[in-house]
Amino acid sequence: MVQSIVNLGEYEDRVLTIVKGKFGLKNKSDAVNFVINQFEKELLEPELRPEYVKKIRNIEKKGKFKTYKSLSDLRKDIENA
């Protein structure tokens, strides 16, 4: 476990206190960890599951993707579908 000294403003301290109370956390350290985990889930790019990567690679090998030389070719294909 890593320990850090963090300087918080009054507003940030209030927010952590609210998060702590709202989610029933034991202390502000747990609240900081909770906020970081939420940030990770919502804003950082998640890692793809290995089975999904395998599925996409199989689709790429089988050639189910179609390439278009221009946007008008794509429109024609969509209109004639």
C-alpha atoms as a PDB file:
ATOM      1  CA  MET A   1       0.000   0.000   0.000  1.00  0.00           C
ATOM      2  CA  VAL A   2       1.254   3.443  -0.882  1.00  0.00           C
ATOM      3  CA  GLN A   3       0.690   6.366   1.456  1.00  0.00           C
ATOM      4  CA  SER A   4       0.436   9.927   0.209  1.00  0.00           C
ATOM      5  CA  ILE A   5      -0.011  13.311   1.765  1.00  0.00           C
ATOM      6  CA  VAL A   6      -2.627  15.199  -0.228  1.00  0.00           C
ATOM      7  CA  ASN A   7      -3.491  18.878   0.132  1.00  0.00           C
ATOM      8  CA  LEU A   8      -7.186  19.463  -0.447  1.00  0.00           C
ATOM      9  CA  GLY A   9      -9.114  22.666  -0.609  1.00  0.00           C
ATOM     10  CA  GLU A  10     -12.200  23.212   1.500  1.00  0.00           C
ATOM     11  CA  TYR A  11     -14.538  22.359  -1.389  1.00  0.00           C
ATOM     12  CA  GLU A  12     -12.695  19.141  -2.264  1.00  0.00           C
ATOM     13  CA  ASP A  13     -12.762  18.100   1.406  1.00  0.00           C
ATOM     14  CA  ARG A  14     -16.536  18.638   1.483  1.00  0.00           C
ATOM     15  CA  VAL A  15     -16.977  16.562  -1.669  1.00  0.00           C
ATOM     16  CA  LEU A  16     -14.995  13.685  -0.153  1.00  0.00           C
ATOM     17  CA  THR A  17     -17.061  13.905   3.025  1.00  0.00           C
ATOM     18  CA  ILE A  18     -20.265  13.709   0.972  1.00  0.00           C
ATOM     19  CA  VAL A  19     -18.957  10.739  -1.051  1.00  0.00           C
ATOM     20  CA  LYS A  20     -17.892   9.035   2.178  1.00  0.00           C
ATOM     21  CA  GLY A  21     -21.342   9.472   3.710  1.00  0.00           C
ATOM     22  CA  LYS A  22     -23.376   8.712   0.604  1.00  0.00           C
ATOM     23  CA  PHE A  23     -21.645   5.408  -0.093  1.00  0.00           C
ATOM     24  CA  GLY A  24     -21.113   4.370   3.521  1.00  0.00           C
ATOM     25  CA  LEU A  25     -17.335   4.392   3.389  1.00  0.00           C
ATOM     26  CA  LYS A  26     -15.210   4.135   6.540  1.00  0.00           C
ATOM     27  CA  ASN A  27     -12.839   7.035   5.929  1.00  0.00           C
ATOM     28  CA  LYS A  28     -11.740   9.643   3.398  1.00  0.00           C
ATOM     29  CA  SER A  29      -9.036   7.337   2.091  1.00  0.00           C
ATOM     30  CA  ASP A  30     -11.771   4.924   1.000  1.00  0.00           C
ATOM     31  CA  ALA A  31     -13.634   7.870  -0.537  1.00  0.00           C
ATOM     32  CA  VAL A  32     -10.559   8.876  -2.550  1.00  0.00           C
ATOM     33  CA  ASN A  33     -10.146   5.280  -3.765  1.00  0.00           C
ATOM     34  CA  PHE A  34     -13.836   5.155  -4.702  1.00  0.00           C
ATOM     35  CA  VAL A  35     -13.603   8.398  -6.693  1.00  0.00           C
ATOM     36  CA  ILE A  36     -10.493   7.147  -8.502  1.00  0.00           C
ATOM     37  CA  ASN A  37     -12.201   3.852  -9.401  1.00  0.00           C
ATOM     38  CA  GLN A  38     -15.248   5.713 -10.730  1.00  0.00           C
ATOM     39  CA  PHE A  39     -12.992   7.979 -12.801  1.00  0.00           C
ATOM     40  CA  GLU A  40     -11.260   4.937 -14.248  1.00  0.00           C
ATOM     41  CA  LYS A  41     -14.527   3.241 -15.195  1.00  0.00           C
ATOM     42  CA  GLU A  42     -16.072   6.297 -16.817  1.00  0.00           C
ATOM     43  CA  LEU A  43     -13.217   8.183 -18.420  1.00  0.00           C
ATOM     44  CA  LEU A  44     -10.312   5.876 -19.081  1.00  0.00           C
ATOM     45  CA  GLU A  45     -10.387   3.479 -21.981  1.00  0.00           C
ATOM     46  CA  PRO A  46     -11.215  -0.011 -20.723  1.00  0.00           C
ATOM     47  CA  GLU A  47      -9.114  -2.953 -21.760  1.00  0.00           C
ATOM     48  CA  LEU A  48     -10.806  -5.292 -24.195  1.00  0.00           C
ATOM     49  CA  ARG A  49     -11.633  -8.766 -22.994  1.00  0.00           C
ATOM     50  CA  PRO A  50      -9.436 -11.444 -24.613  1.00  0.00           C
ATOM     51  CA  GLU A  51     -12.441 -13.327 -26.031  1.00  0.00           C
ATOM     52  CA  TYR A  52     -13.671 -10.151 -27.738  1.00  0.00           C
ATOM     53  CA  VAL A  53     -10.243  -9.507 -29.278  1.00  0.00           C
ATOM     54  CA  LYS A  54     -10.188 -13.110 -30.532  1.00  0.00           C
ATOM     55  CA  LYS A  55     -13.658 -12.706 -32.051  1.00  0.00           C
ATOM     56  CA  ILE A  56     -12.677  -9.498 -33.879  1.00  0.00           C
ATOM     57  CA  ARG A  57      -9.477 -11.107 -35.212  1.00  0.00           C
ATOM     58  CA  ASN A  58     -11.507 -14.040 -36.546  1.00  0.00           C
ATOM     59  CA  ILE A  59     -13.870 -11.655 -38.307  1.00  0.00           C
ATOM     60  CA  GLU A  60     -10.906  -9.805 -39.829  1.00  0.00           C
ATOM     61  CA  LYS A  61      -9.413 -13.083 -41.109  1.00  0.00           C
ATOM     62  CA  LYS A  62     -12.685 -14.258 -42.659  1.00  0.00           C
ATOM     63  CA  GLY A  63     -13.121 -11.005 -44.526  1.00  0.00           C
ATOM     64  CA  LYS A  64     -16.542  -9.942 -43.318  1.00  0.00           C
ATOM     65  CA  PHE A  65     -15.470  -6.314 -43.540  1.00  0.00           C
ATOM     66  CA  LYS A  66     -16.062  -4.438 -46.743  1.00  0.00           C
ATOM     67  CA  THR A  67     -13.947  -1.506 -47.851  1.00  0.00           C
ATOM     68  CA  TYR A  68     -15.166   1.419 -49.896  1.00  0.00           C
ATOM     69  CA  LYS A  69     -13.174   3.702 -52.138  1.00  0.00           C
ATOM     70  CA  SER A  70     -15.464   6.641 -51.583  1.00  0.00           C
ATOM     71  CA  LEU A  71     -18.366   7.798 -49.500  1.00  0.00           C
ATOM     72  CA  SER A  72     -20.643   7.690 -52.526  1.00  0.00           C
ATOM     73  CA  ASP A  73     -19.914   3.958 -52.944  1.00  0.00           C
ATOM     74  CA  LEU A  74     -20.911   3.393 -49.329  1.00  0.00           C
ATOM     75  CA  ARG A  75     -24.137   5.378 -49.826  1.00  0.00           C
ATOM     76  CA  LYS A  76     -25.007   3.338 -52.924  1.00  0.00           C
ATOM     77  CA  ASP A  77     -24.469   0.081 -51.031  1.00  0.00           C
ATOM     78  CA  ILE A  78     -26.616   1.276 -48.111  1.00  0.00           C
ATOM     79  CA  GLU A  79     -29.420   2.474 -50.399  1.00  0.00           C
ATOM     80  CA  ASN A  80     -29.458  -0.813 -52.307  1.00  0.00           C
ATOM     81  CA  ALA A  81     -29.443  -3.007 -49.188  1.00  0.00           C
END
